[in-house]
PDB file of N, CA and C in Angstrom:
ATOM      1  N   UNK A   1      91.884 120.173  53.566  1.00  0.00           N
ATOM      2  CA  UNK A   1      92.390 118.963  54.183  1.00  0.00           C
ATOM      3  C   UNK A   1      92.862 119.276  55.607  1.00  0.00           C
ATOM      4  N   UNK A   2      92.515 118.433  56.528  1.00  0.00           N
ATOM      5  CA  UNK A   2      92.916 118.586  57.928  1.00  0.00           C
ATOM      6  C   UNK A   2      94.285 117.952  58.155  1.00  0.00           C
ATOM      7  N   UNK A   3      95.093 118.537  59.054  1.00  0.00           N
ATOM      8  CA  UNK A   3      96.402 117.939  59.324  1.00  0.00           C
ATOM      9  C   UNK A   3      96.327 116.636  60.114  1.00  0.00           C
ATOM     10  N   UNK A   4      95.201 116.416  60.819  1.00  0.00           N
ATOM     11  CA  UNK A   4      95.009 115.200  61.611  1.00  0.00           C
ATOM     12  C   UNK A   4      93.638 114.618  61.302  1.00  0.00           C
ATOM     13  N   UNK A   5      93.532 113.319  61.409  1.00  0.00           N
ATOM     14  CA  UNK A   5      92.241 112.659  61.197  1.00  0.00           C
ATOM     15  C   UNK A   5      91.282 112.975  62.348  1.00  0.00           C
ATOM     16  N   UNK A   6      91.826 113.006  63.573  1.00  0.00           N
ATOM     17  CA  UNK A   6      91.034 113.309  64.768  1.00  0.00           C
ATOM     18  C   UNK A   6      91.753 114.336  65.623  1.00  0.00           C
ATOM     19  N   UNK A   7      90.955 115.149  66.309  1.00  0.00           N
ATOM     20  CA  UNK A   7      91.483 116.081  67.297  1.00  0.00           C
ATOM     21  C   UNK A   7      90.734 115.811  68.592  1.00  0.00           C
ATOM     22  N   UNK A   8      91.478 115.435  69.633  1.00  0.00           N
ATOM     23  CA  UNK A   8      90.904 115.057  70.915  1.00  0.00           C
ATOM     24  C   UNK A   8      91.161 116.161  71.931  1.00  0.00           C
ATOM     25  N   UNK A   9      90.096 116.618  72.579  1.00  0.00           N
ATOM     26  CA  UNK A   9      90.220 117.545  73.695  1.00  0.00           C
ATOM     27  C   UNK A   9      90.008 116.737  74.968  1.00  0.00           C
ATOM     28  N   UNK A  10      91.021 116.755  75.833  1.00  0.00           N
ATOM     29  CA  UNK A  10      90.980 115.976  77.074  1.00  0.00           C
ATOM     30  C   UNK A  10      90.964 116.927  78.258  1.00  0.00           C
ATOM     31  N   UNK A  11      89.923 116.854  79.062  1.00  0.00           N
ATOM     32  CA  UNK A  11      89.794 117.740  80.218  1.00  0.00           C
ATOM     33  C   UNK A  11      90.868 117.419  81.256  1.00  0.00           C
ATOM     34  N   UNK A  12      91.534 118.470  81.697  1.00  0.00           N
ATOM     35  CA  UNK A  12      92.528 118.363  82.760  1.00  0.00           C
ATOM     36  C   UNK A  12      92.213 119.379  83.864  1.00  0.00           C
ATOM     37  N   UNK A  13      90.941 119.768  83.946  1.00  0.00           N
ATOM     38  CA  UNK A  13      90.502 120.799  84.883  1.00  0.00           C
ATOM     39  C   UNK A  13      90.805 120.427  86.328  1.00  0.00           C
ATOM     40  N   UNK A  14      91.321 121.389  87.062  1.00  0.00           N
ATOM     41  CA  UNK A  14      91.509 121.265  88.504  1.00  0.00           C
ATOM     42  C   UNK A  14      90.652 122.320  89.170  1.00  0.00           C
ATOM     43  N   UNK A  15      90.099 122.004  90.321  1.00  0.00           N
ATOM     44  CA  UNK A  15      89.271 122.952  91.058  1.00  0.00           C
ATOM     45  C   UNK A  15      89.753 123.038  92.500  1.00  0.00           C
ATOM     46  N   UNK A  16      90.967 123.552  92.681  1.00  0.00           N
ATOM     47  CA  UNK A  16      91.523 123.624  94.038  1.00  0.00           C
ATOM     48  C   UNK A  16      90.694 124.549  94.920  1.00  0.00           C
ATOM     49  N   UNK A  17      90.620 124.194  96.174  1.00  0.00           N
ATOM     50  CA  UNK A  17      89.909 125.019  97.134  1.00  0.00           C
ATOM     51  C   UNK A  17      88.404 124.883  97.095  1.00  0.00           C
ATOM     52  N   UNK A  18      87.891 123.929  96.323  1.00  0.00           N
ATOM     53  CA  UNK A  18      86.444 123.703  96.298  1.00  0.00           C
ATOM     54  C   UNK A  18      86.184 122.215  96.516  1.00  0.00           C
ATOM     55  N   UNK A  19      84.956 121.908  96.819  1.00  0.00           N
ATOM     56  CA  UNK A  19      84.568 120.504  96.955  1.00  0.00           C
ATOM     57  C   UNK A  19      83.935 119.987  95.660  1.00  0.00           C
ATOM     58  N   UNK A  20      84.008 120.783  94.607  1.00  0.00           N
ATOM     59  CA  UNK A  20      83.409 120.378  93.343  1.00  0.00           C
ATOM     60  C   UNK A  20      84.248 119.295  92.669  1.00  0.00           C
ATOM     61  N   UNK A  21      83.604 118.325  92.029  1.00  0.00           N
ATOM     62  CA  UNK A  21      84.347 117.278  91.318  1.00  0.00           C
ATOM     63  C   UNK A  21      85.038 117.851  90.080  1.00  0.00           C
ATOM     64  N   UNK A  22      86.115 117.195  89.671  1.00  0.00           N
ATOM     65  CA  UNK A  22      86.815 117.616  88.457  1.00  0.00           C
ATOM     66  C   UNK A  22      87.515 116.411  87.842  1.00  0.00           C
ATOM     67  N   UNK A  23      87.813 116.521  86.568  1.00  0.00           N
ATOM     68  CA  UNK A  23      88.442 115.407  85.851  1.00  0.00           C
ATOM     69  C   UNK A  23      89.804 115.053  86.423  1.00  0.00           C
ATOM     70  N   UNK A  24      90.591 116.054  86.793  1.00  0.00           N
ATOM     71  CA  UNK A  24      91.918 115.731  87.322  1.00  0.00           C
ATOM     72  C   UNK A  24      91.807 114.936  88.621  1.00  0.00           C
ATOM     73  N   UNK A  25      90.808 115.215  89.421  1.00  0.00           N
ATOM     74  CA  UNK A  25      90.586 114.460  90.645  1.00  0.00           C
ATOM     75  C   UNK A  25      90.070 113.054  90.405  1.00  0.00           C
ATOM     76  N   UNK A  26      89.665 112.781  89.173  1.00  0.00           N
ATOM     77  CA  UNK A  26      89.132 111.469  88.804  1.00  0.00           C
ATOM     78  C   UNK A  26      90.084 110.686  87.901  1.00  0.00           C
ATOM     79  N   UNK A  27      91.340 111.142  87.813  1.00  0.00           N
ATOM     80  CA  UNK A  27      92.341 110.360  87.099  1.00  0.00           C
ATOM     81  C   UNK A  27      92.579 110.741  85.653  1.00  0.00           C
ATOM     82  N   UNK A  28      92.254 111.963  85.266  1.00  0.00           N
ATOM     83  CA  UNK A  28      92.414 112.337  83.859  1.00  0.00           C
ATOM     84  C   UNK A  28      93.876 112.341  83.405  1.00  0.00           C
ATOM     85  N   UNK A  29      94.808 112.642  84.292  1.00  0.00           N
ATOM     86  CA  UNK A  29      96.230 112.629  83.901  1.00  0.00           C
ATOM     87  C   UNK A  29      96.665 111.225  83.505  1.00  0.00           C
ATOM     88  N   UNK A  30      96.198 110.220  84.222  1.00  0.00           N
ATOM     89  CA  UNK A  30      96.542 108.838  83.907  1.00  0.00           C
ATOM     90  C   UNK A  30      95.891 108.394  82.591  1.00  0.00           C
ATOM     91  N   UNK A  31      94.668 108.842  82.358  1.00  0.00           N
ATOM     92  CA  UNK A  31      93.982 108.525  81.102  1.00  0.00           C
ATOM     93  C   UNK A  31      94.718 109.174  79.934  1.00  0.00           C
ATOM     94  N   UNK A  32      95.124 110.417  80.105  1.00  0.00           N
ATOM     95  CA  UNK A  32      95.856 111.122  79.058  1.00  0.00           C
ATOM     96  C   UNK A  32      97.178 110.429  78.740  1.00  0.00           C
ATOM     97  N   UNK A  33      97.899 110.022  79.760  1.00  0.00           N
ATOM     98  CA  UNK A  33      99.164 109.306  79.564  1.00  0.00           C
ATOM     99  C   UNK A  33      98.926 107.980  78.829  1.00  0.00           C
ATOM    100  N   UNK A  34      97.899 107.257  79.245  1.00  0.00           N
ATOM    101  CA  UNK A  34      97.575 105.981  78.585  1.00  0.00           C
ATOM    102  C   UNK A  34      97.166 106.215  77.136  1.00  0.00           C
ATOM    103  N   UNK A  35      96.427 107.276  76.873  1.00  0.00           N
ATOM    104  CA  UNK A  35      95.997 107.590  75.518  1.00  0.00           C
ATOM    105  C   UNK A  35      97.202 107.877  74.619  1.00  0.00           C
ATOM    106  N   UNK A  36      98.134 108.663  75.109  1.00  0.00           N
ATOM    107  CA  UNK A  36      99.337 108.963  74.321  1.00  0.00           C
ATOM    108  C   UNK A  36     100.150 107.699  74.040  1.00  0.00           C
ATOM    109  N   UNK A  37     100.308 106.858  75.049  1.00  0.00           N
ATOM    110  CA  UNK A  37     101.069 105.615  74.877  1.00  0.00           C
ATOM    111  C   UNK A  37     100.380 104.671  73.899  1.00  0.00           C
ATOM    112  N   UNK A  38      99.071 104.562  73.999  1.00  0.00           N
ATOM    113  CA  UNK A  38      98.335 103.648  73.116  1.00  0.00           C
ATOM    114  C   UNK A  38      98.336 104.156  71.678  1.00  0.00           C
ATOM    115  N   UNK A  39      98.212 105.442  71.481  1.00  0.00           N
ATOM    116  CA  UNK A  39      98.292 105.994  70.130  1.00  0.00           C
ATOM    117  C   UNK A  39      99.649 105.703  69.510  1.00  0.00           C
ATOM    118  N   UNK A  40     100.709 105.834  70.309  1.00  0.00           N
ATOM    119  CA  UNK A  40     102.056 105.519  69.821  1.00  0.00           C
ATOM    120  C   UNK A  40     102.164 104.040  69.486  1.00  0.00           C
ATOM    121  N   UNK A  41     101.657 103.190  70.368  1.00  0.00           N
ATOM    122  CA  UNK A  41     101.731 101.738  70.156  1.00  0.00           C
ATOM    123  C   UNK A  41     100.971 101.311  68.905  1.00  0.00           C
ATOM    124  N   UNK A  42      99.886 102.010  68.597  1.00  0.00           N
ATOM    125  CA  UNK A  42      99.063 101.680  67.427  1.00  0.00           C
ATOM    126  C   UNK A  42      99.512 102.418  66.162  1.00  0.00           C
ATOM    127  N   UNK A  43     100.580 103.215  66.274  1.00  0.00           N
ATOM    128  CA  UNK A  43     101.085 103.949  65.116  1.00  0.00           C
ATOM    129  C   UNK A  43     100.167 105.061  64.648  1.00  0.00           C
ATOM    130  N   UNK A  44      99.444 105.672  65.586  1.00  0.00           N
ATOM    131  CA  UNK A  44      98.447 106.690  65.222  1.00  0.00           C
ATOM    132  C   UNK A  44      98.811 108.102  65.673  1.00  0.00           C
ATOM    133  N   UNK A  45     100.014 108.316  66.151  1.00  0.00           N
ATOM    134  CA  UNK A  45     100.389 109.647  66.647  1.00  0.00           C
ATOM    135  C   UNK A  45     100.265 110.729  65.582  1.00  0.00           C
ATOM    136  N   UNK A  46     100.479 110.399  64.331  1.00  0.00           N
ATOM    137  CA  UNK A  46     100.379 111.384  63.261  1.00  0.00           C
ATOM    138  C   UNK A  46      98.962 111.566  62.735  1.00  0.00           C
ATOM    139  N   UNK A  47      98.016 110.803  63.286  1.00  0.00           N
ATOM    140  CA  UNK A  47      96.618 110.918  62.858  1.00  0.00           C
ATOM    141  C   UNK A  47      95.710 111.512  63.924  1.00  0.00           C
ATOM    142  N   UNK A  48      96.173 111.519  65.182  1.00  0.00           N
ATOM    143  CA  UNK A  48      95.345 111.982  66.288  1.00  0.00           C
ATOM    144  C   UNK A  48      96.105 113.051  67.065  1.00  0.00           C
ATOM    145  N   UNK A  49      95.547 114.250  67.086  1.00  0.00           N
ATOM    146  CA  UNK A  49      96.117 115.354  67.869  1.00  0.00           C
ATOM    147  C   UNK A  49      95.393 115.408  69.210  1.00  0.00           C
ATOM    148  N   UNK A  50      96.146 115.481  70.294  1.00  0.00           N
ATOM    149  CA  UNK A  50      95.551 115.595  71.625  1.00  0.00           C
ATOM    150  C   UNK A  50      95.841 116.979  72.168  1.00  0.00           C
ATOM    151  N   UNK A  51      94.801 117.644  72.665  1.00  0.00           N
ATOM    152  CA  UNK A  51      94.929 118.944  73.299  1.00  0.00           C
ATOM    153  C   UNK A  51      94.282 118.858  74.671  1.00  0.00           C
ATOM    154  N   UNK A  52      95.024 119.239  75.703  1.00  0.00           N
ATOM    155  CA  UNK A  52      94.412 119.285  77.032  1.00  0.00           C
ATOM    156  C   UNK A  52      93.623 120.582  77.144  1.00  0.00           C
ATOM    157  N   UNK A  53      92.570 120.530  77.941  1.00  0.00           N
ATOM    158  CA  UNK A  53      91.714 121.703  78.073  1.00  0.00           C
ATOM    159  C   UNK A  53      91.152 121.775  79.484  1.00  0.00           C
ATOM    160  N   UNK A  54      90.479 122.866  79.751  1.00  0.00           N
ATOM    161  CA  UNK A  54      89.774 123.035  81.014  1.00  0.00           C
ATOM    162  C   UNK A  54      88.459 122.278  80.971  1.00  0.00           C
ATOM    163  N   UNK A  55      87.587 122.641  81.862  1.00  0.00           N
ATOM    164  CA  UNK A  55      86.346 121.901  82.054  1.00  0.00           C
ATOM    165  C   UNK A  55      85.512 121.783  80.785  1.00  0.00           C
ATOM    166  N   UNK A  56      85.048 120.573  80.550  1.00  0.00           N
ATOM    167  CA  UNK A  56      84.095 120.313  79.472  1.00  0.00           C
ATOM    168  C   UNK A  56      82.666 120.344  80.005  1.00  0.00           C
ATOM    169  N   UNK A  57      82.528 120.477  81.334  1.00  0.00           N
ATOM    170  CA  UNK A  57      81.224 120.703  81.933  1.00  0.00           C
ATOM    171  C   UNK A  57      80.484 119.487  82.446  1.00  0.00           C
ATOM    172  N   UNK A  58      81.087 118.322  82.413  1.00  0.00           N
ATOM    173  CA  UNK A  58      80.423 117.119  82.918  1.00  0.00           C
ATOM    174  C   UNK A  58      81.236 116.565  84.085  1.00  0.00           C
ATOM    175  N   UNK A  59      81.472 117.411  85.045  1.00  0.00           N
ATOM    176  CA  UNK A  59      82.440 117.181  86.107  1.00  0.00           C
ATOM    177  C   UNK A  59      82.177 115.913  86.924  1.00  0.00           C
ATOM    178  N   UNK A  60      80.922 115.596  87.160  1.00  0.00           N
ATOM    179  CA  UNK A  60      80.596 114.419  87.952  1.00  0.00           C
ATOM    180  C   UNK A  60      80.867 113.120  87.209  1.00  0.00           C
ATOM    181  N   UNK A  61      81.057 113.189  85.887  1.00  0.00           N
ATOM    182  CA  UNK A  61      81.207 111.973  85.083  1.00  0.00           C
ATOM    183  C   UNK A  61      82.582 111.851  84.436  1.00  0.00           C
ATOM    184  N   UNK A  62      83.543 112.624  84.885  1.00  0.00           N
ATOM    185  CA  UNK A  62      84.872 112.588  84.282  1.00  0.00           C
ATOM    186  C   UNK A  62      85.616 111.308  84.577  1.00  0.00           C
ATOM    187  N   UNK A  63      86.744 111.154  83.953  1.00  0.00           N
ATOM    188  CA  UNK A  63      87.374 112.000  82.950  1.00  0.00           C
ATOM    189  C   UNK A  63      86.583 112.038  81.643  1.00  0.00           C
ATOM    190  N   UNK A  64      86.611 113.229  81.037  1.00  0.00           N
ATOM    191  CA  UNK A  64      85.870 113.485  79.810  1.00  0.00           C
ATOM    192  C   UNK A  64      86.807 113.853  78.672  1.00  0.00           C
ATOM    193  N   UNK A  65      86.456 113.391  77.472  1.00  0.00           N
ATOM    194  CA  UNK A  65      87.164 113.794  76.262  1.00  0.00           C
ATOM    195  C   UNK A  65      86.137 114.041  75.163  1.00  0.00           C
ATOM    196  N   UNK A  66      86.500 114.909  74.229  1.00  0.00           N
ATOM    197  CA  UNK A  66      85.666 115.175  73.060  1.00  0.00           C
ATOM    198  C   UNK A  66      86.528 114.949  71.828  1.00  0.00           C
ATOM    199  N   UNK A  67      85.987 114.235  70.870  1.00  0.00           N
ATOM    200  CA  UNK A  67      86.716 113.899  69.644  1.00  0.00           C
ATOM    201  C   UNK A  67      86.074 114.616  68.459  1.00  0.00           C
ATOM    202  N   UNK A  68      86.900 115.358  67.747  1.00  0.00           N
ATOM    203  CA  UNK A  68      86.469 116.033  66.519  1.00  0.00           C
ATOM    204  C   UNK A  68      87.205 115.429  65.339  1.00  0.00           C
ATOM    205  N   UNK A  69      86.618 115.411  64.145  1.00  0.00           N
ATOM    206  CA  UNK A  69      85.655 116.394  63.679  1.00  0.00           C
ATOM    207  C   UNK A  69      84.189 116.070  63.969  1.00  0.00           C
ATOM    208  N   UNK A  70      83.867 114.862  64.368  1.00  0.00           N
ATOM    209  CA  UNK A  70      82.445 114.519  64.529  1.00  0.00           C
ATOM    210  C   UNK A  70      81.824 115.020  65.824  1.00  0.00           C
ATOM    211  N   UNK A  71      82.629 115.413  66.808  1.00  0.00           N
ATOM    212  CA  UNK A  71      82.085 115.922  68.057  1.00  0.00           C
ATOM    213  C   UNK A  71      81.541 114.835  68.964  1.00  0.00           C
ATOM    214  N   UNK A  72      82.268 113.750  69.129  1.00  0.00           N
ATOM    215  CA  UNK A  72      81.866 112.655  70.005  1.00  0.00           C
ATOM    216  C   UNK A  72      82.321 112.964  71.426  1.00  0.00           C
ATOM    217  N   UNK A  73      81.364 112.988  72.359  1.00  0.00           N
ATOM    218  CA  UNK A  73      81.641 113.296  73.765  1.00  0.00           C
ATOM    219  C   UNK A  73      81.685 111.997  74.564  1.00  0.00           C
ATOM    220  N   UNK A  74      82.835 111.739  75.181  1.00  0.00           N
ATOM    221  CA  UNK A  74      83.019 110.561  76.038  1.00  0.00           C
ATOM    222  C   UNK A  74      83.087 110.994  77.491  1.00  0.00           C
ATOM    223  N   UNK A  75      82.491 110.200  78.369  1.00  0.00           N
ATOM    224  CA  UNK A  75      82.561 110.443  79.815  1.00  0.00           C
ATOM    225  C   UNK A  75      82.933 109.176  80.548  1.00  0.00           C
ATOM    226  N   UNK A  76      83.555 109.371  81.709  1.00  0.00           N
ATOM    227  CA  UNK A  76      83.912 108.237  82.552  1.00  0.00           C
ATOM    228  C   UNK A  76      84.999 107.370  81.954  1.00  0.00           C
ATOM    229  N   UNK A  77      85.851 107.971  81.146  1.00  0.00           N
ATOM    230  CA  UNK A  77      86.916 107.214  80.493  1.00  0.00           C
ATOM    231  C   UNK A  77      87.963 106.829  81.527  1.00  0.00           C
ATOM    232  N   UNK A  78      88.269 105.550  81.583  1.00  0.00           N
ATOM    233  CA  UNK A  78      89.272 105.035  82.506  1.00  0.00           C
ATOM    234  C   UNK A  78      90.467 104.500  81.719  1.00  0.00           C
ATOM    235  N   UNK A  79      91.584 104.342  82.384  1.00  0.00           N
ATOM    236  CA  UNK A  79      92.795 103.829  81.736  1.00  0.00           C
ATOM    237  C   UNK A  79      92.492 102.512  81.021  1.00  0.00           C
ATOM    238  N   UNK A  80      91.711 101.652  81.640  1.00  0.00           N
ATOM    239  CA  UNK A  80      91.390 100.352  81.043  1.00  0.00           C
ATOM    240  C   UNK A  80      90.573 100.480  79.756  1.00  0.00           C
ATOM    241  N   UNK A  81      89.891 101.617  79.552  1.00  0.00           N
ATOM    242  CA  UNK A  81      89.080 101.832  78.344  1.00  0.00           C
ATOM    243  C   UNK A  81      89.908 102.296  77.152  1.00  0.00           C
ATOM    244  N   UNK A  82      91.069 102.857  77.421  1.00  0.00           N
ATOM    245  CA  UNK A  82      91.859 103.524  76.375  1.00  0.00           C
ATOM    246  C   UNK A  82      92.193 102.628  75.183  1.00  0.00           C
ATOM    247  N   UNK A  83      92.691 101.399  75.381  1.00  0.00           N
ATOM    248  CA  UNK A  83      92.990 100.575  74.200  1.00  0.00           C
ATOM    249  C   UNK A  83      91.770 100.349  73.303  1.00  0.00           C
ATOM    250  N   UNK A  84      90.612 100.171  73.918  1.00  0.00           N
ATOM    251  CA  UNK A  84      89.390  99.944  73.140  1.00  0.00           C
ATOM    252  C   UNK A  84      88.955 101.214  72.403  1.00  0.00           C
ATOM    253  N   UNK A  85      89.058 102.375  73.063  1.00  0.00           N
ATOM    254  CA  UNK A  85      88.727 103.645  72.403  1.00  0.00           C
ATOM    255  C   UNK A  85      89.642 103.860  71.202  1.00  0.00           C
ATOM    256  N   UNK A  86      90.936 103.656  71.397  1.00  0.00           N
ATOM    257  CA  UNK A  86      91.896 103.856  70.308  1.00  0.00           C
ATOM    258  C   UNK A  86      91.621 102.889  69.164  1.00  0.00           C
ATOM    259  N   UNK A  87      91.431 101.625  69.490  1.00  0.00           N
ATOM    260  CA  UNK A  87      91.196 100.617  68.446  1.00  0.00           C
ATOM    261  C   UNK A  87      89.888 100.895  67.698  1.00  0.00           C
ATOM    262  N   UNK A  88      88.804 101.054  68.449  1.00  0.00           N
ATOM    263  CA  UNK A  88      87.492 101.183  67.814  1.00  0.00           C
ATOM    264  C   UNK A  88      87.292 102.533  67.141  1.00  0.00           C
ATOM    265  N   UNK A  89      87.601 103.608  67.855  1.00  0.00           N
ATOM    266  CA  UNK A  89      87.306 104.936  67.303  1.00  0.00           C
ATOM    267  C   UNK A  89      88.405 105.424  66.365  1.00  0.00           C
ATOM    268  N   UNK A  90      89.632 105.470  66.855  1.00  0.00           N
ATOM    269  CA  UNK A  90      90.696 106.088  66.068  1.00  0.00           C
ATOM    270  C   UNK A  90      91.252 105.193  64.963  1.00  0.00           C
ATOM    271  N   UNK A  91      91.206 103.909  65.163  1.00  0.00           N
ATOM    272  CA  UNK A  91      91.711 102.988  64.133  1.00  0.00           C
ATOM    273  C   UNK A  91      90.597 102.545  63.183  1.00  0.00           C
ATOM    274  N   UNK A  92      89.428 102.191  63.750  1.00  0.00           N
ATOM    275  CA  UNK A  92      88.341 101.641  62.941  1.00  0.00           C
ATOM    276  C   UNK A  92      87.216 102.626  62.621  1.00  0.00           C
ATOM    277  N   UNK A  93      87.274 103.840  63.199  1.00  0.00           N
ATOM    278  CA  UNK A  93      86.280 104.864  62.890  1.00  0.00           C
ATOM    279  C   UNK A  93      84.914 104.654  63.505  1.00  0.00           C
ATOM    280  N   UNK A  94      84.841 103.837  64.573  1.00  0.00           N
ATOM    281  CA  UNK A  94      83.560 103.567  65.239  1.00  0.00           C
ATOM    282  C   UNK A  94      83.647 104.011  66.695  1.00  0.00           C
ATOM    283  N   UNK A  95      82.914 105.067  67.083  1.00  0.00           N
ATOM    284  CA  UNK A  95      82.944 105.491  68.480  1.00  0.00           C
ATOM    285  C   UNK A  95      82.555 104.336  69.424  1.00  0.00           C
ATOM    286  N   UNK A  96      83.157 104.348  70.591  1.00  0.00           N
ATOM    287  CA  UNK A  96      82.891 103.326  71.610  1.00  0.00           C
ATOM    288  C   UNK A  96      81.600 103.704  72.338  1.00  0.00           C
ATOM    289  N   UNK A  97      80.501 103.127  71.894  1.00  0.00           N
ATOM    290  CA  UNK A  97      79.160 103.543  72.315  1.00  0.00           C
ATOM    291  C   UNK A  97      78.937 103.524  73.829  1.00  0.00           C
ATOM    292  N   UNK A  98      79.531 102.598  74.531  1.00  0.00           N
ATOM    293  CA  UNK A  98      79.241 102.494  75.969  1.00  0.00           C
ATOM    294  C   UNK A  98      79.739 103.698  76.762  1.00  0.00           C
ATOM    295  N   UNK A  99      80.608 104.514  76.183  1.00  0.00           N
ATOM    296  CA  UNK A  99      81.124 105.703  76.864  1.00  0.00           C
ATOM    297  C   UNK A  99      80.655 107.016  76.234  1.00  0.00           C
ATOM    298  N   UNK A 100      79.890 106.928  75.148  1.00  0.00           N
ATOM    299  CA  UNK A 100      79.485 108.115  74.391  1.00  0.00           C
ATOM    300  C   UNK A 100      78.211 108.726  74.984  1.00  0.00           C
ATOM    301  N   UNK A 101      78.180 110.051  75.001  1.00  0.00           N
ATOM    302  CA  UNK A 101      76.991 110.817  75.379  1.00  0.00           C
ATOM    303  C   UNK A 101      76.253 111.182  74.092  1.00  0.00           C
ATOM    304  N   UNK A 102      75.092 110.598  73.857  1.00  0.00           N
ATOM    305  CA  UNK A 102      74.353 110.827  72.614  1.00  0.00           C
ATOM    306  C   UNK A 102      73.216 111.842  72.746  1.00  0.00           C
ATOM    307  N   UNK A 103      72.755 112.105  73.952  1.00  0.00           N
ATOM    308  CA  UNK A 103      71.624 113.005  74.155  1.00  0.00           C
ATOM    309  C   UNK A 103      72.139 114.442  74.286  1.00  0.00           C
ATOM    310  N   UNK A 104      72.168 115.157  73.165  1.00  0.00           N
ATOM    311  CA  UNK A 104      72.732 116.512  73.138  1.00  0.00           C
ATOM    312  C   UNK A 104      71.979 117.469  74.056  1.00  0.00           C
ATOM    313  N   UNK A 105      70.676 117.326  74.163  1.00  0.00           N
ATOM    314  CA  UNK A 105      69.892 118.220  75.015  1.00  0.00           C
ATOM    315  C   UNK A 105      70.250 117.994  76.485  1.00  0.00           C
ATOM    316  N   UNK A 106      70.307 116.743  76.905  1.00  0.00           N
ATOM    317  CA  UNK A 106      70.681 116.432  78.289  1.00  0.00           C
ATOM    318  C   UNK A 106      72.122 116.858  78.569  1.00  0.00           C
ATOM    319  N   UNK A 107      72.995 116.677  77.611  1.00  0.00           N
ATOM    320  CA  UNK A 107      74.397 117.062  77.752  1.00  0.00           C
ATOM    321  C   UNK A 107      74.519 118.567  77.960  1.00  0.00           C
ATOM    322  N   UNK A 108      73.837 119.329  77.143  1.00  0.00           N
ATOM    323  CA  UNK A 108      73.882 120.786  77.272  1.00  0.00           C
ATOM    324  C   UNK A 108      73.314 121.232  78.621  1.00  0.00           C
ATOM    325  N   UNK A 109      72.240 120.618  79.065  1.00  0.00           N
ATOM    326  CA  UNK A 109      71.632 120.960  80.358  1.00  0.00           C
ATOM    327  C   UNK A 109      72.612 120.678  81.497  1.00  0.00           C
ATOM    328  N   UNK A 110      73.261 119.528  81.455  1.00  0.00           N
ATOM    329  CA  UNK A 110      74.227 119.163  82.493  1.00  0.00           C
ATOM    330  C   UNK A 110      75.399 120.148  82.520  1.00  0.00           C
ATOM    331  N   UNK A 111      75.885 120.518  81.354  1.00  0.00           N
ATOM    332  CA  UNK A 111      76.998 121.465  81.276  1.00  0.00           C
ATOM    333  C   UNK A 111      76.585 122.814  81.861  1.00  0.00           C
ATOM    334  N   UNK A 112      75.401 123.288  81.519  1.00  0.00           N
ATOM    335  CA  UNK A 112      74.916 124.569  82.049  1.00  0.00           C
ATOM    336  C   UNK A 112      74.756 124.525  83.567  1.00  0.00           C
ATOM    337  N   UNK A 113      74.244 123.411  84.088  1.00  0.00           N
ATOM    338  CA  UNK A 113      74.093 123.267  85.537  1.00  0.00           C
ATOM    339  C   UNK A 113      75.450 123.262  86.237  1.00  0.00           C
ATOM    340  N   UNK A 114      76.417 122.576  85.655  1.00  0.00           N
ATOM    341  CA  UNK A 114      77.748 122.536  86.261  1.00  0.00           C
ATOM    342  C   UNK A 114      78.443 123.888  86.192  1.00  0.00           C
ATOM    343  N   UNK A 115      78.224 124.633  85.132  1.00  0.00           N
ATOM    344  CA  UNK A 115      78.776 125.992  85.062  1.00  0.00           C
ATOM    345  C   UNK A 115      78.194 126.861  86.168  1.00  0.00           C
ATOM    346  N   UNK A 116      76.898 126.746  86.377  1.00  0.00           N
ATOM    347  CA  UNK A 116      76.241 127.534  87.425  1.00  0.00           C
ATOM    348  C   UNK A 116      76.795 127.163  88.807  1.00  0.00           C
ATOM    349  N   UNK A 117      77.000 125.870  89.074  1.00  0.00           N
ATOM    350  CA  UNK A 117      77.602 125.432  90.344  1.00  0.00           C
ATOM    351  C   UNK A 117      78.990 126.014  90.516  1.00  0.00           C
ATOM    352  N   UNK A 118      79.779 125.977  89.461  1.00  0.00           N
ATOM    353  CA  UNK A 118      81.147 126.496  89.529  1.00  0.00           C
ATOM    354  C   UNK A 118      81.136 127.988  89.808  1.00  0.00           C
ATOM    355  N   UNK A 119      80.222 128.713  89.194  1.00  0.00           N
ATOM    356  CA  UNK A 119      80.135 130.162  89.427  1.00  0.00           C
ATOM    357  C   UNK A 119      79.718 130.457  90.861  1.00  0.00           C
ATOM    358  N   UNK A 120      78.780 129.688  91.390  1.00  0.00           N
ATOM    359  CA  UNK A 120      78.367 129.880  92.791  1.00  0.00           C
ATOM    360  C   UNK A 120      79.533 129.609  93.724  1.00  0.00           C
ATOM    361  N   UNK A 121      80.293 128.549  93.461  1.00  0.00           N
ATOM    362  CA  UNK A 121      81.441 128.214  94.298  1.00  0.00           C
ATOM    363  C   UNK A 121      82.502 129.303  94.209  1.00  0.00           C
ATOM    364  N   UNK A 122      82.723 129.822  93.023  1.00  0.00           N
ATOM    365  CA  UNK A 122      83.712 130.862  92.808  1.00  0.00           C
ATOM    366  C   UNK A 122      83.351 132.133  93.567  1.00  0.00           C
ATOM    367  N   UNK A 123      82.074 132.420  93.648  1.00  0.00           N
ATOM    368  CA  UNK A 123      81.622 133.642  94.298  1.00  0.00           C
ATOM    369  C   UNK A 123      81.172 133.411  95.740  1.00  0.00           C
ATOM    370  N   UNK A 124      81.567 132.288  96.314  1.00  0.00           N
ATOM    371  CA  UNK A 124      81.303 132.032  97.727  1.00  0.00           C
ATOM    372  C   UNK A 124      79.929 131.495  98.047  1.00  0.00           C
ATOM    373  N   UNK A 125      79.200 131.045  97.038  1.00  0.00           N
ATOM    374  CA  UNK A 125      77.852 130.533  97.261  1.00  0.00           C
ATOM    375  C   UNK A 125      77.783 129.065  97.519  1.00  0.00           C
ATOM    376  N   UNK A 126      78.934 128.375  97.571  1.00  0.00           N
ATOM    377  CA  UNK A 126      78.948 126.924  97.808  1.00  0.00           C
ATOM    378  C   UNK A 126      78.416 126.153  96.632  1.00  0.00           C
ATOM    379  N   UNK A 127      77.877 124.977  96.896  1.00  0.00           N
ATOM    380  CA  UNK A 127      77.360 124.093  95.851  1.00  0.00           C
ATOM    381  C   UNK A 127      75.982 124.532  95.519  1.00  0.00           C
TER     382      UNK A 127
END
């Protein structure tokens, strides 16, 4: 038995000193705050565990979150989306399709490309 019905990983990655996009630069802190408040308002704090994390690899499409146990990847989550995500996914068990990444092959390719960009930037190779 799991201690929580859902476990959410929310990207809070920062990339100071680079021109690379990141979730924190796209408002992930505000999304995280809204998510915590909405979970409390819906009485779901004991069913949904939130963990902040580093890059999920879809930097151009952030803020990004991943929901387990099913492994649902959301991109472009905005504060205005949070009530609907909480209601549909966490309360009713139906992922919010308009924000879900369903193409696992394309998702993996994008993540690998973004990792390569980050490594080049880290080692002085730019974008």
